[in-house]
Amino acid sequence: MKTIAFMNLKGGVAKTTTTVNAAAILARDCKQSVLVVDADSQCNTTEFFSPPGVQSGHGTHCTFADLLRRTDVGPVIRPSSFPHVDLLPADDTLMDLDLSKVEGKAVDINCLRRLLKMPRYNFYDWVLIDCPPSFNAAAAAALLAADQVVIPIKLDAFSLRGMANLQRQIHNMTQINRGLAIAGFLPTMAYKSKTLEEAAAALKKSGLPVFSPIRRSAPVDNMTFSQEPLIVSSPKSAACQDYRRFVKELMEGGADRGV
């Protein structure tokens, strides 16, 4: 089992888009069994992968928030709307679980790591975690359970400036999860621009691992309405081709480490 956390403290960088498309490609193209964990209180991944008529993490299934609160309300993992992809859903109460509750022992940030070691759940080939755009209890639990972090990044000044803080948070978690490492940065929404080329070059020159970029593509927005990953809704689109290449790089061991 390989557990990947998709994380960036900045929103709007395609974390969810990356999670759902990588899961679909791994499941259908690569014949892998995949568990998707929604750790974001916005619940976008939960909504995307929920069967018709089931649009929320609430109900008879246990959600990630319930696990963090040590509440057992029913089955933890449910089938998603995509074959060979299962889902651990989120609900909006995740936003209430900040790190202050860890100190008071109101939440258990080891819950996901412990869950994935249980015999009934450790048969997956891949576990993909869609993390929140903040460092809260859910993000900490994701990093404690993960083997690697992929950082989707939009190549603008705001995103680049925030990387030092994110790397520091990840480094702090390696003091507890010694196996945690950064798999690489994944430039998203890329297009031809001298400024973006200079930003990409600067990222590579830093020596940090960088995956091949995901091009900006209109079908990415369309898939959020159809609730179908790109390999279904737009298999010939530039973004779908790029996500297939990203998955191939991920399976082959990682990103280009630059110069």
Protein backbone atom coordinates (compact mmCIF):
# COMPACT_ATOMS: atom_id res chain seq x y z
CA MET A 1 0.00 0.00 0.00
CA LYS A 2 1.23 3.47 -0.95
CA THR A 3 -0.36 6.42 0.84
CA ILE A 4 -0.15 9.84 -0.82
CA ALA A 5 -1.33 13.11 0.72
CA PHE A 6 -2.17 15.91 -1.72
CA MET A 7 -1.49 19.08 0.23
CA ASN A 8 -1.06 22.81 -0.18
CA LEU A 9 -1.93 25.48 2.37
CA LYS A 10 -3.23 27.64 -0.48
CA GLY A 11 -6.64 26.91 -1.96
CA GLY A 12 -7.49 26.83 -5.63
CA VAL A 13 -4.43 24.87 -6.74
CA ALA A 14 -6.27 21.72 -7.97
CA LYS A 15 -5.77 19.41 -4.98
CA THR A 16 -9.20 17.83 -5.39
CA THR A 17 -8.96 17.72 -9.19
CA THR A 18 -5.63 15.96 -8.88
CA THR A 19 -6.89 13.50 -6.25
CA VAL A 20 -9.97 12.38 -8.16
CA ASN A 21 -8.25 12.10 -11.54
CA ALA A 22 -5.25 10.24 -10.15
CA ALA A 23 -7.61 7.83 -8.37
CA ALA A 24 -9.60 7.16 -11.53
CA ILE A 25 -6.49 6.61 -13.66
CA LEU A 26 -4.93 4.28 -11.10
CA ALA A 27 -8.16 2.28 -10.85
CA ARG A 28 -9.13 2.00 -14.52
CA ASP A 29 -5.92 2.33 -16.51
CA CYS A 30 -3.55 0.70 -14.02
CA LYS A 31 -5.94 -1.87 -12.50
CA GLN A 32 -5.12 -0.77 -8.95
CA SER A 33 -7.41 -0.82 -5.93
CA VAL A 34 -7.74 2.71 -4.56
CA LEU A 35 -9.06 4.28 -1.38
CA VAL A 36 -9.72 8.02 -1.49
CA VAL A 37 -9.81 9.84 1.85
CA ASP A 38 -11.51 13.23 1.95
CA ALA A 39 -9.86 15.25 4.71
CA ASP A 40 -11.25 18.62 3.61
CA SER A 41 -14.33 20.14 5.23
CA GLN A 42 -15.42 21.52 1.85
CA CYS A 43 -16.27 17.86 0.99
CA ASN A 44 -15.65 18.33 -2.75
CA THR A 45 -14.06 14.90 -3.17
CA THR A 46 -16.91 13.30 -1.23
CA GLU A 47 -19.48 15.00 -3.46
CA PHE A 48 -17.57 14.10 -6.63
CA PHE A 49 -17.30 10.40 -5.80
CA SER A 50 -20.71 9.96 -4.16
CA PRO A 51 -23.30 7.90 -6.02
CA PRO A 52 -26.32 9.77 -7.41
CA GLY A 53 -28.60 10.93 -4.63
CA VAL A 54 -25.86 10.70 -1.99
CA GLN A 55 -24.25 14.13 -1.91
CA SER A 56 -23.00 14.35 1.66
CA GLY A 57 -20.73 12.65 4.12
CA HIS A 58 -23.55 12.69 6.66
CA GLY A 59 -25.70 9.64 7.22
CA THR A 60 -25.13 6.07 8.31
CA HIS A 61 -21.47 6.00 7.30
CA CYS A 62 -18.69 7.11 9.58
CA THR A 63 -16.85 10.15 8.26
CA PHE A 64 -13.27 11.30 8.71
CA ALA A 65 -14.47 13.78 11.33
CA ASP A 66 -16.09 10.93 13.29
CA LEU A 67 -12.79 9.04 13.26
CA LEU A 68 -10.93 12.07 14.56
CA ARG A 69 -13.47 12.46 17.36
CA ARG A 70 -13.29 8.72 18.18
CA THR A 71 -16.97 8.34 17.28
CA ASP A 72 -18.05 5.03 15.77
CA VAL A 73 -21.36 5.65 14.01
CA GLY A 74 -21.28 2.91 11.38
CA PRO A 75 -19.20 1.64 8.46
CA VAL A 76 -16.08 3.69 7.80
CA ILE A 77 -15.50 3.18 4.09
CA ARG A 78 -18.05 3.00 1.32
CA PRO A 79 -17.88 2.28 -2.43
CA SER A 80 -17.56 5.36 -4.59
CA SER A 81 -19.36 6.06 -7.84
CA PHE A 82 -16.25 4.94 -9.76
CA PRO A 83 -15.33 1.24 -10.08
CA HIS A 84 -12.48 0.01 -7.85
CA VAL A 85 -12.34 3.30 -5.94
CA ASP A 86 -13.59 3.36 -2.35
CA LEU A 87 -14.24 6.49 -0.31
CA LEU A 88 -13.74 7.60 3.26
CA PRO A 89 -16.02 10.66 3.17
CA ALA A 90 -15.77 14.04 4.83
CA ASP A 91 -18.41 16.24 6.37
CA ASP A 92 -18.41 19.93 7.19
CA THR A 93 -17.75 19.39 10.92
CA LEU A 94 -14.09 18.86 10.04
CA MET A 95 -13.74 22.65 10.10
CA ASP A 96 -14.38 22.59 13.86
CA LEU A 97 -11.45 20.26 14.58
CA ASP A 98 -8.45 22.53 14.92
CA LEU A 99 -5.11 21.66 16.46
CA SER A 100 -6.07 23.06 19.85
CA LYS A 101 -8.35 20.06 20.31
CA VAL A 102 -5.37 17.72 19.88
CA GLU A 103 -3.81 19.05 23.06
CA GLY A 104 -7.10 18.55 24.88
CA LYS A 105 -7.30 15.02 23.49
CA ALA A 106 -10.66 15.79 21.91
CA VAL A 107 -9.35 14.44 18.61
CA ASP A 108 -7.09 11.53 17.71
CA ILE A 109 -4.66 12.46 14.93
CA ASN A 110 -3.37 8.88 14.78
CA CYS A 111 -6.78 7.56 13.74
CA LEU A 112 -6.11 7.30 10.00
CA ARG A 113 -2.69 5.72 10.37
CA ARG A 114 -4.16 3.13 12.74
CA LEU A 115 -7.15 2.51 10.46
CA LEU A 116 -4.98 1.79 7.42
CA LYS A 117 -3.02 -0.82 9.36
CA MET A 118 -6.16 -2.81 10.16
CA PRO A 119 -6.37 -6.08 8.15
CA ARG A 120 -9.79 -5.24 6.72
CA TYR A 121 -8.51 -1.97 5.25
CA ASN A 122 -4.85 -2.53 4.35
CA PHE A 123 -5.45 -4.39 1.09
CA TYR A 124 -5.56 -1.25 -1.09
CA ASP A 125 -2.75 -0.62 -3.56
CA TRP A 126 -3.07 3.16 -3.16
CA VAL A 127 -4.56 5.51 -0.60
CA LEU A 128 -4.99 9.10 -1.84
CA ILE A 129 -5.79 11.82 0.71
CA ASP A 130 -7.31 15.14 -0.34
CA CYS A 131 -6.04 17.51 2.37
CA PRO A 132 -7.51 20.83 3.51
CA PRO A 133 -5.89 24.19 2.61
CA SER A 134 -4.87 24.70 6.23
CA PHE A 135 -2.82 22.90 8.84
CA ASN A 136 -5.48 21.54 11.20
CA ALA A 137 -6.16 18.22 12.91
CA ALA A 138 -7.30 16.57 9.66
CA ALA A 139 -4.11 17.67 7.89
CA ALA A 140 -1.97 16.38 10.75
CA ALA A 141 -3.77 13.02 10.66
CA ALA A 142 -3.20 12.82 6.90
CA LEU A 143 0.52 13.48 7.22
CA LEU A 144 0.88 10.93 10.02
CA ALA A 145 -0.70 8.29 7.78
CA ALA A 146 1.07 9.21 4.52
CA ASP A 147 4.23 7.85 2.94
CA GLN A 148 4.60 10.81 0.60
CA VAL A 149 3.24 14.29 -0.01
CA VAL A 150 2.46 15.62 -3.48
CA ILE A 151 2.12 19.40 -3.53
CA PRO A 152 -0.08 20.70 -6.35
CA ILE A 153 1.01 24.26 -7.02
CA LYS A 154 -0.16 27.07 -9.24
CA LEU A 155 2.97 28.87 -10.38
CA ASP A 156 2.25 32.36 -9.09
CA ALA A 157 4.08 34.53 -6.59
CA PHE A 158 1.62 33.88 -3.74
CA SER A 159 1.93 30.11 -4.06
CA LEU A 160 5.72 30.15 -4.32
CA ARG A 161 6.06 32.39 -1.26
CA GLY A 162 3.96 30.00 0.81
CA MET A 163 6.11 26.96 0.08
CA ALA A 164 8.59 27.55 2.90
CA ASN A 165 5.80 27.43 5.50
CA LEU A 166 4.33 24.26 4.04
CA GLN A 167 7.70 22.54 3.88
CA ARG A 168 8.31 23.48 7.50
CA GLN A 169 5.01 21.94 8.56
CA ILE A 170 5.78 18.74 6.65
CA HIS A 171 9.28 18.61 8.15
CA ASN A 172 7.80 18.96 11.64
CA MET A 173 5.55 15.96 10.99
CA THR A 174 8.54 13.85 9.91
CA GLN A 175 9.67 14.00 13.53
CA ILE A 176 6.68 11.74 14.29
CA ASN A 177 6.22 9.96 10.94
CA ARG A 178 9.83 9.13 10.02
CA GLY A 179 8.81 7.59 6.70
CA LEU A 180 7.17 10.76 5.38
CA ALA A 181 8.76 12.46 2.37
CA ILE A 182 7.87 15.00 -0.30
CA ALA A 183 7.28 13.14 -3.56
CA GLY A 184 7.33 16.38 -5.50
CA PHE A 185 5.64 19.57 -6.55
CA LEU A 186 2.99 19.27 -9.26
CA PRO A 187 2.52 22.48 -11.30
CA THR A 188 -1.15 22.79 -12.24
CA MET A 189 -3.17 25.06 -14.54
CA ALA A 190 -0.04 25.62 -16.60
CA TYR A 191 0.03 27.57 -19.85
CA LYS A 192 2.65 29.15 -22.05
CA SER A 193 3.96 32.28 -20.38
CA LYS A 194 7.43 33.66 -19.84
CA THR A 195 6.60 34.38 -16.21
CA LEU A 196 5.39 30.83 -15.59
CA GLU A 197 8.43 29.39 -17.34
CA GLU A 198 10.68 31.45 -15.06
CA ALA A 199 8.72 30.31 -11.98
CA ALA A 200 8.99 26.66 -13.06
CA ALA A 201 12.71 27.06 -13.67
CA ALA A 202 13.18 28.61 -10.23
CA LEU A 203 11.31 25.72 -8.62
CA LYS A 204 13.52 23.17 -10.39
CA LYS A 205 16.73 25.05 -9.57
CA SER A 206 15.87 24.79 -5.89
CA GLY A 207 16.58 21.06 -6.13
CA LEU A 208 13.06 20.15 -5.07
CA PRO A 209 11.35 17.31 -6.94
CA VAL A 210 9.00 18.62 -9.64
CA PHE A 211 6.52 16.54 -11.64
CA SER A 212 5.67 17.32 -15.25
CA PRO A 213 3.01 20.08 -15.30
CA ILE A 214 -0.73 19.76 -15.78
CA ARG A 215 -1.89 22.09 -18.54
CA ARG A 216 -4.83 24.42 -18.05
CA SER A 217 -7.82 22.90 -19.81
CA ALA A 218 -11.53 23.78 -20.01
CA PRO A 219 -12.67 20.13 -19.54
CA VAL A 220 -11.32 20.27 -15.98
CA ASP A 221 -14.05 22.75 -15.03
CA ASN A 222 -16.66 20.78 -16.96
CA MET A 223 -15.91 17.55 -15.08
CA THR A 224 -16.91 19.13 -11.78
CA PHE A 225 -20.46 19.47 -13.12
CA SER A 226 -20.65 16.04 -14.72
CA GLN A 227 -18.99 14.37 -11.70
CA GLU A 228 -16.96 12.25 -14.08
CA PRO A 229 -13.14 12.12 -14.08
CA LEU A 230 -11.33 13.24 -17.20
CA ILE A 231 -10.70 9.69 -18.43
CA VAL A 232 -14.49 9.43 -18.78
CA SER A 233 -15.60 12.97 -19.58
CA SER A 234 -12.67 14.13 -21.75
CA PRO A 235 -10.08 11.38 -22.28
CA LYS A 236 -8.31 13.21 -25.14
CA SER A 237 -7.97 16.53 -23.34
CA ALA A 238 -4.57 17.98 -22.57
CA ALA A 239 -5.18 17.76 -18.83
CA CYS A 240 -6.16 14.08 -19.03
CA GLN A 241 -2.98 13.28 -20.95
CA ASP A 242 -0.98 15.18 -18.35
CA TYR A 243 -2.65 13.41 -15.43
CA ARG A 244 -1.88 10.06 -17.04
CA ARG A 245 1.76 11.12 -17.30
CA PHE A 246 1.71 12.27 -13.66
CA VAL A 247 0.38 8.90 -12.49
CA LYS A 248 3.05 7.13 -14.53
CA GLU A 249 5.75 9.29 -12.90
CA LEU A 250 4.26 8.65 -9.48
CA MET A 251 4.23 4.88 -10.00
CA GLU A 252 7.75 4.90 -11.36
CA GLY A 253 9.16 6.51 -8.25
CA GLY A 254 8.71 10.24 -8.33
CA ALA A 255 9.46 13.55 -9.92
CA ASP A 256 12.46 15.19 -11.52
CA ARG A 257 14.70 16.53 -8.77
CA GLY A 258 15.83 19.48 -10.87
CA VAL A 259 19.42 20.65 -10.99
